[in-house]
Amino acid sequence: DATLAAHPALVPRLTPLRRSVAAHAKALGEGGTTVRPA
């Protein structure tokens, strides 16, 4: 998010990777574990 905010020209390149990382964070937190809010 910080990189995208600093370099909007990289949005097309980084958006699919960021989406993947967001999905990983969600999958890793599933299972009833208490996690801090993003």
PDB file of all heavy atoms in Angstrom:
ATOM      1  N   ASP A   1       0.820  -1.208   0.000  1.00  0.00           N
ATOM      2  CA  ASP A   1       0.000   0.000   0.000  1.00  0.00           C
ATOM      3  C   ASP A   1       0.857   1.261   0.000  1.00  0.00           C
ATOM      4  O   ASP A   1       0.561   2.225  -0.711  1.00  0.00           O
ATOM      5  CB  ASP A   1      -0.949  -0.011   1.204  1.00  0.00           C
ATOM      6  CG  ASP A   1      -2.038  -1.053   1.069  1.00  0.00           C
ATOM      7  OD1 ASP A   1      -2.317  -1.505  -0.064  1.00  0.00           O
ATOM      8  OD2 ASP A   1      -2.627  -1.436   2.108  1.00  0.00           O
ATOM      9  N   ALA A   2       1.931   1.253   0.800  1.00  0.00           N
ATOM     10  CA  ALA A   2       2.813   2.417   0.845  1.00  0.00           C
ATOM     11  C   ALA A   2       3.506   2.625  -0.494  1.00  0.00           C
ATOM     12  O   ALA A   2       3.637   3.757  -0.976  1.00  0.00           O
ATOM     13  CB  ALA A   2       3.852   2.239   1.961  1.00  0.00           C
ATOM     14  N   THR A   3       3.928   1.536  -1.125  1.00  0.00           N
ATOM     15  CA  THR A   3       4.594   1.637  -2.427  1.00  0.00           C
ATOM     16  C   THR A   3       3.624   2.142  -3.489  1.00  0.00           C
ATOM     17  O   THR A   3       3.974   2.997  -4.314  1.00  0.00           O
ATOM     18  CB  THR A   3       5.187   0.275  -2.831  1.00  0.00           C
ATOM     19  OG1 THR A   3       6.098  -0.154  -1.808  1.00  0.00           O
ATOM     20  CG2 THR A   3       5.922   0.356  -4.161  1.00  0.00           C
ATOM     21  N   LEU A   4       2.410   1.623  -3.466  1.00  0.00           N
ATOM     22  CA  LEU A   4       1.407   2.077  -4.433  1.00  0.00           C
ATOM     23  C   LEU A   4       1.064   3.550  -4.231  1.00  0.00           C
ATOM     24  O   LEU A   4       0.856   4.282  -5.210  1.00  0.00           O
ATOM     25  CB  LEU A   4       0.146   1.215  -4.336  1.00  0.00           C
ATOM     26  CG  LEU A   4       0.281  -0.188  -4.929  1.00  0.00           C
ATOM     27  CD1 LEU A   4      -0.877  -1.077  -4.495  1.00  0.00           C
ATOM     28  CD2 LEU A   4       0.366  -0.115  -6.441  1.00  0.00           C
ATOM     29  N   ALA A   5       1.009   3.987  -2.980  1.00  0.00           N
ATOM     30  CA  ALA A   5       0.707   5.396  -2.716  1.00  0.00           C
ATOM     31  C   ALA A   5       1.851   6.298  -3.189  1.00  0.00           C
ATOM     32  O   ALA A   5       1.606   7.393  -3.706  1.00  0.00           O
ATOM     33  CB  ALA A   5       0.464   5.597  -1.219  1.00  0.00           C
ATOM     34  N   ALA A   6       3.074   5.824  -3.043  1.00  0.00           N
ATOM     35  CA  ALA A   6       4.228   6.631  -3.440  1.00  0.00           C
ATOM     36  C   ALA A   6       4.471   6.600  -4.948  1.00  0.00           C
ATOM     37  O   ALA A   6       5.029   7.550  -5.507  1.00  0.00           O
ATOM     38  CB  ALA A   6       5.486   6.143  -2.713  1.00  0.00           C
ATOM     39  N   HIS A   7       4.049   5.515  -5.612  1.00  0.00           N
ATOM     40  CA  HIS A   7       4.323   5.350  -7.044  1.00  0.00           C
ATOM     41  C   HIS A   7       3.060   4.878  -7.781  1.00  0.00           C
ATOM     42  O   HIS A   7       2.934   3.709  -8.128  1.00  0.00           O
ATOM     43  CB  HIS A   7       5.463   4.341  -7.263  1.00  0.00           C
ATOM     44  CG  HIS A   7       6.736   4.740  -6.617  1.00  0.00           C
ATOM     45  ND1 HIS A   7       7.542   5.728  -7.127  1.00  0.00           N
ATOM     46  CD2 HIS A   7       7.337   4.302  -5.487  1.00  0.00           C
ATOM     47  CE1 HIS A   7       8.588   5.880  -6.343  1.00  0.00           C
ATOM     48  NE2 HIS A   7       8.487   5.031  -5.339  1.00  0.00           N
ATOM     49  N   PRO A   8       2.140   5.791  -8.058  1.00  0.00           N
ATOM     50  CA  PRO A   8       0.902   5.399  -8.739  1.00  0.00           C
ATOM     51  C   PRO A   8       1.130   4.776 -10.115  1.00  0.00           C
ATOM     52  O   PRO A   8       0.298   4.001 -10.590  1.00  0.00           O
ATOM     53  CB  PRO A   8       0.114   6.707  -8.866  1.00  0.00           C
ATOM     54  CG  PRO A   8       0.734   7.647  -7.888  1.00  0.00           C
ATOM     55  CD  PRO A   8       2.148   7.204  -7.685  1.00  0.00           C
ATOM     56  N   ALA A   9       2.245   5.038 -10.726  1.00  0.00           N
ATOM     57  CA  ALA A   9       2.521   4.460 -12.049  1.00  0.00           C
ATOM     58  C   ALA A   9       2.713   2.947 -11.960  1.00  0.00           C
ATOM     59  O   ALA A   9       2.583   2.240 -12.968  1.00  0.00           O
ATOM     60  CB  ALA A   9       3.768   5.109 -12.654  1.00  0.00           C
ATOM     61  N   LEU A  10       2.996   2.422 -10.763  1.00  0.00           N
ATOM     62  CA  LEU A  10       3.200   0.983 -10.589  1.00  0.00           C
ATOM     63  C   LEU A  10       1.904   0.213 -10.311  1.00  0.00           C
ATOM     64  O   LEU A  10       1.927  -0.999 -10.148  1.00  0.00           O
ATOM     65  CB  LEU A  10       4.191   0.729  -9.435  1.00  0.00           C
ATOM     66  CG  LEU A  10       5.609   1.235  -9.640  1.00  0.00           C
ATOM     67  CD1 LEU A  10       6.441   1.025  -8.376  1.00  0.00           C
ATOM     68  CD2 LEU A  10       6.251   0.514 -10.823  1.00  0.00           C
ATOM     69  N   VAL A  11       0.780   0.923 -10.267  1.00  0.00           N
ATOM     70  CA  VAL A  11      -0.505   0.288  -9.945  1.00  0.00           C
ATOM     71  C   VAL A  11      -0.803  -0.907 -10.851  1.00  0.00           C
ATOM     72  O   VAL A  11      -1.149  -1.989 -10.350  1.00  0.00           O
ATOM     73  CB  VAL A  11      -1.659   1.321  -9.966  1.00  0.00           C
ATOM     74  CG1 VAL A  11      -3.016   0.645  -9.928  1.00  0.00           C
ATOM     75  CG2 VAL A  11      -1.515   2.272  -8.792  1.00  0.00           C
ATOM     76  N   PRO A  12      -0.678  -0.797 -12.181  1.00  0.00           N
ATOM     77  CA  PRO A  12      -1.010  -1.962 -13.011  1.00  0.00           C
ATOM     78  C   PRO A  12      -0.128  -3.180 -12.704  1.00  0.00           C
ATOM     79  O   PRO A  12      -0.588  -4.317 -12.763  1.00  0.00           O
ATOM     80  CB  PRO A  12      -0.781  -1.484 -14.443  1.00  0.00           C
ATOM     81  CG  PRO A  12      -0.782   0.003 -14.389  1.00  0.00           C
ATOM     82  CD  PRO A  12      -0.339   0.374 -13.007  1.00  0.00           C
ATOM     83  N   ARG A  13       1.101  -2.932 -12.378  1.00  0.00           N
ATOM     84  CA  ARG A  13       2.035  -4.032 -12.120  1.00  0.00           C
ATOM     85  C   ARG A  13       1.860  -4.642 -10.724  1.00  0.00           C
ATOM     86  O   ARG A  13       1.978  -5.852 -10.556  1.00  0.00           O
ATOM     87  CB  ARG A  13       3.457  -3.509 -12.274  1.00  0.00           C
ATOM     88  CG  ARG A  13       4.488  -4.568 -12.063  1.00  0.00           C
ATOM     89  CD  ARG A  13       5.843  -4.048 -12.390  1.00  0.00           C
ATOM     90  NE  ARG A  13       6.833  -5.085 -12.185  1.00  0.00           N
ATOM     91  CZ  ARG A  13       8.105  -4.900 -12.293  1.00  0.00           C
ATOM     92  NH1 ARG A  13       8.568  -3.725 -12.656  1.00  0.00           N
ATOM     93  NH2 ARG A  13       8.942  -5.877 -12.071  1.00  0.00           N
ATOM     94  N   LEU A  14       1.580  -3.810  -9.729  1.00  0.00           N
ATOM     95  CA  LEU A  14       1.547  -4.289  -8.358  1.00  0.00           C
ATOM     96  C   LEU A  14       0.169  -4.733  -7.867  1.00  0.00           C
ATOM     97  O   LEU A  14       0.085  -5.508  -6.915  1.00  0.00           O
ATOM     98  CB  LEU A  14       2.085  -3.202  -7.418  1.00  0.00           C
ATOM     99  CG  LEU A  14       3.541  -2.811  -7.613  1.00  0.00           C
ATOM    100  CD1 LEU A  14       3.951  -1.762  -6.579  1.00  0.00           C
ATOM    101  CD2 LEU A  14       4.445  -4.022  -7.540  1.00  0.00           C
ATOM    102  N   THR A  15      -0.897  -4.274  -8.495  1.00  0.00           N
ATOM    103  CA  THR A  15      -2.239  -4.597  -8.016  1.00  0.00           C
ATOM    104  C   THR A  15      -2.507  -6.107  -7.958  1.00  0.00           C
ATOM    105  O   THR A  15      -3.022  -6.588  -6.946  1.00  0.00           O
ATOM    106  CB  THR A  15      -3.310  -3.871  -8.856  1.00  0.00           C
ATOM    107  OG1 THR A  15      -3.100  -2.457  -8.700  1.00  0.00           O
ATOM    108  CG2 THR A  15      -4.706  -4.223  -8.403  1.00  0.00           C
ATOM    109  N   PRO A  16      -2.159  -6.899  -8.973  1.00  0.00           N
ATOM    110  CA  PRO A  16      -2.413  -8.345  -8.855  1.00  0.00           C
ATOM    111  C   PRO A  16      -1.605  -8.998  -7.722  1.00  0.00           C
ATOM    112  O   PRO A  16      -2.117  -9.883  -7.038  1.00  0.00           O
ATOM    113  CB  PRO A  16      -1.978  -8.911 -10.208  1.00  0.00           C
ATOM    114  CG  PRO A  16      -1.903  -7.755 -11.140  1.00  0.00           C
ATOM    115  CD  PRO A  16      -1.647  -6.543 -10.297  1.00  0.00           C
ATOM    116  N   LEU A  17      -0.379  -8.543  -7.521  1.00  0.00           N
ATOM    117  CA  LEU A  17       0.439  -9.093  -6.443  1.00  0.00           C
ATOM    118  C   LEU A  17      -0.128  -8.707  -5.081  1.00  0.00           C
ATOM    119  O   LEU A  17      -0.181  -9.523  -4.162  1.00  0.00           O
ATOM    120  CB  LEU A  17       1.887  -8.622  -6.584  1.00  0.00           C
ATOM    121  CG  LEU A  17       2.611  -9.006  -7.875  1.00  0.00           C
ATOM    122  CD1 LEU A  17       4.007  -8.408  -7.910  1.00  0.00           C
ATOM    123  CD2 LEU A  17       2.651 -10.505  -8.044  1.00  0.00           C
ATOM    124  N   ARG A  18      -0.586  -7.458  -4.966  1.00  0.00           N
ATOM    125  CA  ARG A  18      -1.179  -7.000  -3.711  1.00  0.00           C
ATOM    126  C   ARG A  18      -2.439  -7.798  -3.387  1.00  0.00           C
ATOM    127  O   ARG A  18      -2.667  -8.175  -2.248  1.00  0.00           O
ATOM    128  CB  ARG A  18      -1.508  -5.505  -3.789  1.00  0.00           C
ATOM    129  CG  ARG A  18      -1.977  -4.964  -2.443  1.00  0.00           C
ATOM    130  CD  ARG A  18      -2.947  -3.795  -2.595  1.00  0.00           C
ATOM    131  NE  ARG A  18      -3.418  -3.370  -1.306  1.00  0.00           N
ATOM    132  CZ  ARG A  18      -4.449  -3.925  -0.678  1.00  0.00           C
ATOM    133  NH1 ARG A  18      -5.097  -4.938  -1.202  1.00  0.00           N
ATOM    134  NH2 ARG A  18      -4.847  -3.489   0.498  1.00  0.00           N
ATOM    135  N   ARG A  19      -3.260  -8.038  -4.418  1.00  0.00           N
ATOM    136  CA  ARG A  19      -4.480  -8.841  -4.209  1.00  0.00           C
ATOM    137  C   ARG A  19      -4.129 -10.227  -3.688  1.00  0.00           C
ATOM    138  O   ARG A  19      -4.802 -10.768  -2.811  1.00  0.00           O
ATOM    139  CB  ARG A  19      -5.266  -8.953  -5.508  1.00  0.00           C
ATOM    140  CG  ARG A  19      -6.487  -8.083  -5.554  1.00  0.00           C
ATOM    141  CD  ARG A  19      -7.389  -8.459  -6.711  1.00  0.00           C
ATOM    142  NE  ARG A  19      -6.670  -8.590  -7.958  1.00  0.00           N
ATOM    143  CZ  ARG A  19      -6.698  -7.720  -8.951  1.00  0.00           C
ATOM    144  NH1 ARG A  19      -7.443  -6.659  -8.849  1.00  0.00           N
ATOM    145  NH2 ARG A  19      -6.009  -7.911 -10.047  1.00  0.00           N
ATOM    146  N   SER A  20      -3.086 -10.803  -4.233  1.00  0.00           N
ATOM    147  CA  SER A  20      -2.634 -12.119  -3.801  1.00  0.00           C
ATOM    148  C   SER A  20      -2.180 -12.093  -2.342  1.00  0.00           C
ATOM    149  O   SER A  20      -2.530 -12.974  -1.556  1.00  0.00           O
ATOM    150  CB  SER A  20      -1.499 -12.591  -4.710  1.00  0.00           C
ATOM    151  OG  SER A  20      -1.010 -13.827  -4.297  1.00  0.00           O
ATOM    152  N   VAL A  21      -1.427 -11.079  -1.967  1.00  0.00           N
ATOM    153  CA  VAL A  21      -0.958 -10.947  -0.583  1.00  0.00           C
ATOM    154  C   VAL A  21      -2.151 -10.757   0.360  1.00  0.00           C
ATOM    155  O   VAL A  21      -2.185 -11.328   1.452  1.00  0.00           O
ATOM    156  CB  VAL A  21       0.063  -9.801  -0.458  1.00  0.00           C
ATOM    157  CG1 VAL A  21       0.389  -9.490   0.997  1.00  0.00           C
ATOM    158  CG2 VAL A  21       1.331 -10.141  -1.218  1.00  0.00           C
ATOM    159  N   ALA A  22      -3.147  -9.989  -0.055  1.00  0.00           N
ATOM    160  CA  ALA A  22      -4.346  -9.802   0.767  1.00  0.00           C
ATOM    161  C   ALA A  22      -5.080 -11.132   0.967  1.00  0.00           C
ATOM    162  O   ALA A  22      -5.545 -11.437   2.070  1.00  0.00           O
ATOM    163  CB  ALA A  22      -5.274  -8.769   0.122  1.00  0.00           C
ATOM    164  N   ALA A  23      -5.165 -11.926  -0.086  1.00  0.00           N
ATOM    165  CA  ALA A  23      -5.803 -13.242   0.022  1.00  0.00           C
ATOM    166  C   ALA A  23      -5.005 -14.155   0.947  1.00  0.00           C
ATOM    167  O   ALA A  23      -5.590 -14.926   1.730  1.00  0.00           O
ATOM    168  CB  ALA A  23      -5.942 -13.878  -1.359  1.00  0.00           C
ATOM    169  N   HIS A  24      -3.691 -14.062   0.902  1.00  0.00           N
ATOM    170  CA  HIS A  24      -2.846 -14.873   1.793  1.00  0.00           C
ATOM    171  C   HIS A  24      -3.082 -14.482   3.247  1.00  0.00           C
ATOM    172  O   HIS A  24      -3.205 -15.346   4.114  1.00  0.00           O
ATOM    173  CB  HIS A  24      -1.370 -14.702   1.448  1.00  0.00           C
ATOM    174  CG  HIS A  24      -1.020 -15.207   0.093  1.00  0.00           C
ATOM    175  ND1 HIS A  24       0.094 -14.766  -0.575  1.00  0.00           N
ATOM    176  CD2 HIS A  24      -1.627 -16.088  -0.731  1.00  0.00           C
ATOM    177  CE1 HIS A  24       0.149 -15.370  -1.761  1.00  0.00           C
ATOM    178  NE2 HIS A  24      -0.882 -16.174  -1.867  1.00  0.00           N
ATOM    179  N   ALA A  25      -3.125 -13.177   3.510  1.00  0.00           N
ATOM    180  CA  ALA A  25      -3.353 -12.709   4.879  1.00  0.00           C
ATOM    181  C   ALA A  25      -4.693 -13.213   5.398  1.00  0.00           C
ATOM    182  O   ALA A  25      -4.805 -13.656   6.541  1.00  0.00           O
ATOM    183  CB  ALA A  25      -3.293 -11.186   4.932  1.00  0.00           C
ATOM    184  N   LYS A  26      -5.695 -13.182   4.544  1.00  0.00           N
ATOM    185  CA  LYS A  26      -7.021 -13.665   4.946  1.00  0.00           C
ATOM    186  C   LYS A  26      -6.984 -15.170   5.212  1.00  0.00           C
ATOM    187  O   LYS A  26      -7.481 -15.639   6.233  1.00  0.00           O
ATOM    188  CB  LYS A  26      -8.048 -13.354   3.863  1.00  0.00           C
ATOM    189  CG  LYS A  26      -9.436 -13.821   4.219  1.00  0.00           C
ATOM    190  CD  LYS A  26     -10.443 -13.481   3.159  1.00  0.00           C
ATOM    191  CE  LYS A  26     -11.804 -13.998   3.584  1.00  0.00           C
ATOM    192  NZ  LYS A  26     -12.820 -13.740   2.588  1.00  0.00           N
ATOM    193  N   ALA A  27      -6.379 -15.924   4.321  1.00  0.00           N
ATOM    194  CA  ALA A  27      -6.328 -17.387   4.479  1.00  0.00           C
ATOM    195  C   ALA A  27      -5.526 -17.781   5.721  1.00  0.00           C
ATOM    196  O   ALA A  27      -5.905 -18.703   6.440  1.00  0.00           O
ATOM    197  CB  ALA A  27      -5.721 -18.034   3.239  1.00  0.00           C
ATOM    198  N   LEU A  28      -4.452 -17.089   5.989  1.00  0.00           N
ATOM    199  CA  LEU A  28      -3.624 -17.419   7.145  1.00  0.00           C
ATOM    200  C   LEU A  28      -4.331 -17.113   8.455  1.00  0.00           C
ATOM    201  O   LEU A  28      -4.065 -17.749   9.466  1.00  0.00           O
ATOM    202  CB  LEU A  28      -2.293 -16.664   7.084  1.00  0.00           C
ATOM    203  CG  LEU A  28      -1.325 -17.142   6.006  1.00  0.00           C
ATOM    204  CD1 LEU A  28      -0.163 -16.170   5.870  1.00  0.00           C
ATOM    205  CD2 LEU A  28      -0.822 -18.538   6.306  1.00  0.00           C
ATOM    206  N   GLY A  29      -5.235 -16.153   8.445  1.00  0.00           N
ATOM    207  CA  GLY A  29      -5.950 -15.779   9.668  1.00  0.00           C
ATOM    208  C   GLY A  29      -7.215 -16.550   9.915  1.00  0.00           C
ATOM    209  O   GLY A  29      -7.795 -16.465  10.999  1.00  0.00           O
ATOM    210  N   GLU A  30      -7.687 -17.322   8.957  1.00  0.00           N
ATOM    211  CA  GLU A  30      -8.917 -18.073   9.151  1.00  0.00           C
ATOM    212  C   GLU A  30      -8.682 -19.215  10.123  1.00  0.00           C
ATOM    213  O   GLU A  30      -7.581 -19.707  10.264  1.00  0.00           O
ATOM    214  CB  GLU A  30      -9.430 -18.604   7.814  1.00  0.00           C
ATOM    215  CG  GLU A  30      -9.957 -17.504   6.935  1.00  0.00           C
ATOM    216  CD  GLU A  30     -10.420 -17.978   5.572  1.00  0.00           C
ATOM    217  OE1 GLU A  30     -10.156 -19.135   5.211  1.00  0.00           O
ATOM    218  OE2 GLU A  30     -11.030 -17.163   4.882  1.00  0.00           O
ATOM    219  N   GLY A  31      -9.733 -19.620  10.803  1.00  0.00           N
ATOM    220  CA  GLY A  31      -9.627 -20.713  11.753  1.00  0.00           C
ATOM    221  C   GLY A  31      -9.904 -20.260  13.169  1.00  0.00           C
ATOM    222  O   GLY A  31      -9.612 -20.957  14.114  1.00  0.00           O
ATOM    223  N   GLY A  32     -10.469 -19.069  13.318  1.00  0.00           N
ATOM    224  CA  GLY A  32     -10.853 -18.621  14.646  1.00  0.00           C
ATOM    225  C   GLY A  32      -9.754 -17.970  15.451  1.00  0.00           C
ATOM    226  O   GLY A  32      -9.930 -17.671  16.609  1.00  0.00           O
ATOM    227  N   THR A  33      -8.621 -17.721  14.876  1.00  0.00           N
ATOM    228  CA  THR A  33      -7.526 -17.099  15.602  1.00  0.00           C
ATOM    229  C   THR A  33      -7.799 -15.613  15.759  1.00  0.00           C
ATOM    230  O   THR A  33      -8.238 -14.958  14.835  1.00  0.00           O
ATOM    231  CB  THR A  33      -6.204 -17.289  14.840  1.00  0.00           C
ATOM    232  OG1 THR A  33      -6.006 -18.683  14.679  1.00  0.00           O
ATOM    233  CG2 THR A  33      -5.044 -16.696  15.586  1.00  0.00           C
ATOM    234  N   THR A  34      -7.539 -15.105  16.933  1.00  0.00           N
ATOM    235  CA  THR A  34      -7.692 -13.680  17.167  1.00  0.00           C
ATOM    236  C   THR A  34      -6.471 -12.978  16.601  1.00  0.00           C
ATOM    237  O   THR A  34      -5.353 -13.302  16.944  1.00  0.00           O
ATOM    238  CB  THR A  34      -7.799 -13.394  18.670  1.00  0.00           C
ATOM    239  OG1 THR A  34      -8.908 -14.112  19.178  1.00  0.00           O
ATOM    240  CG2 THR A  34      -7.987 -11.928  18.944  1.00  0.00           C
ATOM    241  N   VAL A  35      -6.711 -12.024  15.713  1.00  0.00           N
ATOM    242  CA  VAL A  35      -5.610 -11.280  15.103  1.00  0.00           C
ATOM    243  C   VAL A  35      -5.883  -9.800  15.238  1.00  0.00           C
ATOM    244  O   VAL A  35      -7.012  -9.371  15.380  1.00  0.00           O
ATOM    245  CB  VAL A  35      -5.426 -11.652  13.609  1.00  0.00           C
ATOM    246  CG1 VAL A  35      -4.991 -13.086  13.467  1.00  0.00           C
ATOM    247  CG2 VAL A  35      -6.689 -11.419  12.830  1.00  0.00           C
ATOM    248  N   ARG A  36      -4.810  -9.029  15.188  1.00  0.00           N
ATOM    249  CA  ARG A  36      -4.964  -7.577  15.286  1.00  0.00           C
ATOM    250  C   ARG A  36      -5.573  -7.049  13.994  1.00  0.00           C
ATOM    251  O   ARG A  36      -5.330  -7.588  12.918  1.00  0.00           O
ATOM    252  CB  ARG A  36      -3.624  -6.918  15.571  1.00  0.00           C
ATOM    253  CG  ARG A  36      -2.631  -7.045  14.440  1.00  0.00           C
ATOM    254  CD  ARG A  36      -1.347  -6.312  14.791  1.00  0.00           C
ATOM    255  NE  ARG A  36      -0.315  -6.572  13.822  1.00  0.00           N
ATOM    256  CZ  ARG A  36      -0.232  -6.008  12.620  1.00  0.00           C
ATOM    257  NH1 ARG A  36      -1.126  -5.144  12.244  1.00  0.00           N
ATOM    258  NH2 ARG A  36       0.757  -6.308  11.802  1.00  0.00           N
ATOM    259  N   PRO A  37      -6.368  -6.008  14.079  1.00  0.00           N
ATOM    260  CA  PRO A  37      -6.964  -5.458  12.862  1.00  0.00           C
ATOM    261  C   PRO A  37      -5.928  -4.779  11.989  1.00  0.00           C
ATOM    262  O   PRO A  37      -4.984  -4.179  12.498  1.00  0.00           O
ATOM    263  CB  PRO A  37      -7.994  -4.444  13.388  1.00  0.00           C
ATOM    264  CG  PRO A  37      -7.540  -4.123  14.776  1.00  0.00           C
ATOM    265  CD  PRO A  37      -6.772  -5.307  15.282  1.00  0.00           C
ATOM    266  N   ALA A  38      -6.103  -4.877  10.692  1.00  0.00           N
ATOM    267  CA  ALA A  38      -5.200  -4.204   9.751  1.00  0.00           C
ATOM    268  C   ALA A  38      -5.539  -2.729   9.755  1.00  0.00           C
ATOM    269  O   ALA A  38      -6.692  -2.340   9.817  1.00  0.00           O
ATOM    270  CB  ALA A  38      -5.358  -4.790   8.360  1.00  0.00           C
TER     271      ALA A  38
END
